[in-house]
Amino acid sequence: IDRGTPRVGTTRARTVEGLPMFAAHTHCVSTRAAFGATPRHGSTSRTHSRVLGFAKPNRRGPATKGRNAAYPSITASASSNDDARITVIGEALWDSLPKGLFLGGAPANVACHLRELGRSPTVVSRVGDDELGREVLRRLTKRGLSTDLIQVDTTNTPTGFVVVTMDGSMPSYDIVQPSAWDAMEPTEQLVTAATGAVVVYGSLAQRDARSRAAIGAAAAVASKRVFDINLRPPFIDPAMCVEHAKQCWLLKLNDDELPEMYNWCGLDGLDGSDPAQVIAMACAVRDALECDNLCVTRGGDGALLVASSGAVAQHPGFDVTAVDTVGAGDSFLATLLDSLLGGATASASLERACRVGAFVATQQGATPMHDRDAIEGLVSK
């Protein structure tokens, strides 16, 4: 692992979100102590991520409560699904960052940000029967999220753990395998929670056939599917990604993933070498997959949304300096989903999502509480 980051199982003490790890115990717990002996049997797989490049340092403020608390306010339209149930399924884990351990995993991040926006998503995941797993449950509960559908593994498989190495503000990931979230089960409770709900999920949690079956069961009974492809080499299955992207209600890609999906759809003739080609490529992918809405994030250059109406909205992003971009894309997705379900226009939804994503990148960790004043204070490019 590069840049001196301790390997999983070393004894360097960590902190959790700026506090001594598991503060209720009033002492620090090392990575080895939290895991026990299990991680030595696992392996890590490195992947690099390019995420929304937003951020200028801002002090963390208190969470803003109530529906649609983050800037700007949303007025529901006649076609609003503002009361839609949302079920988020996938990995819940710990990100080991240079400044400590932070609750993470894209689906868990999305759920936390939806809660900050005033929604009450159902979280489906699996954690180990270990101290890190119990702390996941405590942290999610503290954020106001139900943990009733987070399964606890009893086979000594550890809670998910990712070593995050920062190159400036850009992260790369070493993902421990196996992890408890690889073994989610398609229980009756899971299917009930997903039936008729907006189901949000990605590709990483489908690297194992067991969790793939659980996610497939949830997706099959959803009223709307939101697929954040979130590619993490070497866990990339093109056929599976295309299968879940087809006819989904919202597909989220970044500008590295868009050309991959374009090629996987059997399309050619465009290389995405300029903004006009990126728009054309996004429209072609949306048409080929027959999905309702397709969003492409473009790092520090904002994002674009091809809406169900066929309209294309773009936002240039915010002229800020990234501090920690881990979780910025997840907050972007949560806000975009919240806005679209609330009946906002494509342009308003995209601006709001970029704004919240920019704020999150000014904070340490993937799931900071939202500070309305800081969010409103950001200025577009």
Foldseek 3Di string as FASTA:
>chain_A
DPDPQDDQQDFDWFDEQPHANPCVVVHTGGSCRQLPPPLVPKFWDKFWDFFAFFEDADDFDFQQEDAQRAPDRAAFDPQFLLVFAEEEEFAWAWEQEPRGTYTDDLSLLLQLLLVSNHDAYAYAFEAEPTNRRVVSCVVCVVSVYDCPRHHYDDPSAHHWYWYWDDDQQTTMIITIPPGGRLAGAQDPVLLVSLAAGEYEYEQPSPLHVRNVVNVVSSVVRHPAYEYEHPDGPPSDDLVVSLVRLAAGQEYEEEPVVLVVLLVSLVHDDADPPDPVSSVVSQLVSCVSRVYAKYKYAYHQQAIWMQHNVRDIETFRAFPHGFRHQAQLVSSLVSQLVSNVSSHHDRHSSRVSSSLSSNHCRNDPHNNRRDDNVSSVPTDGD
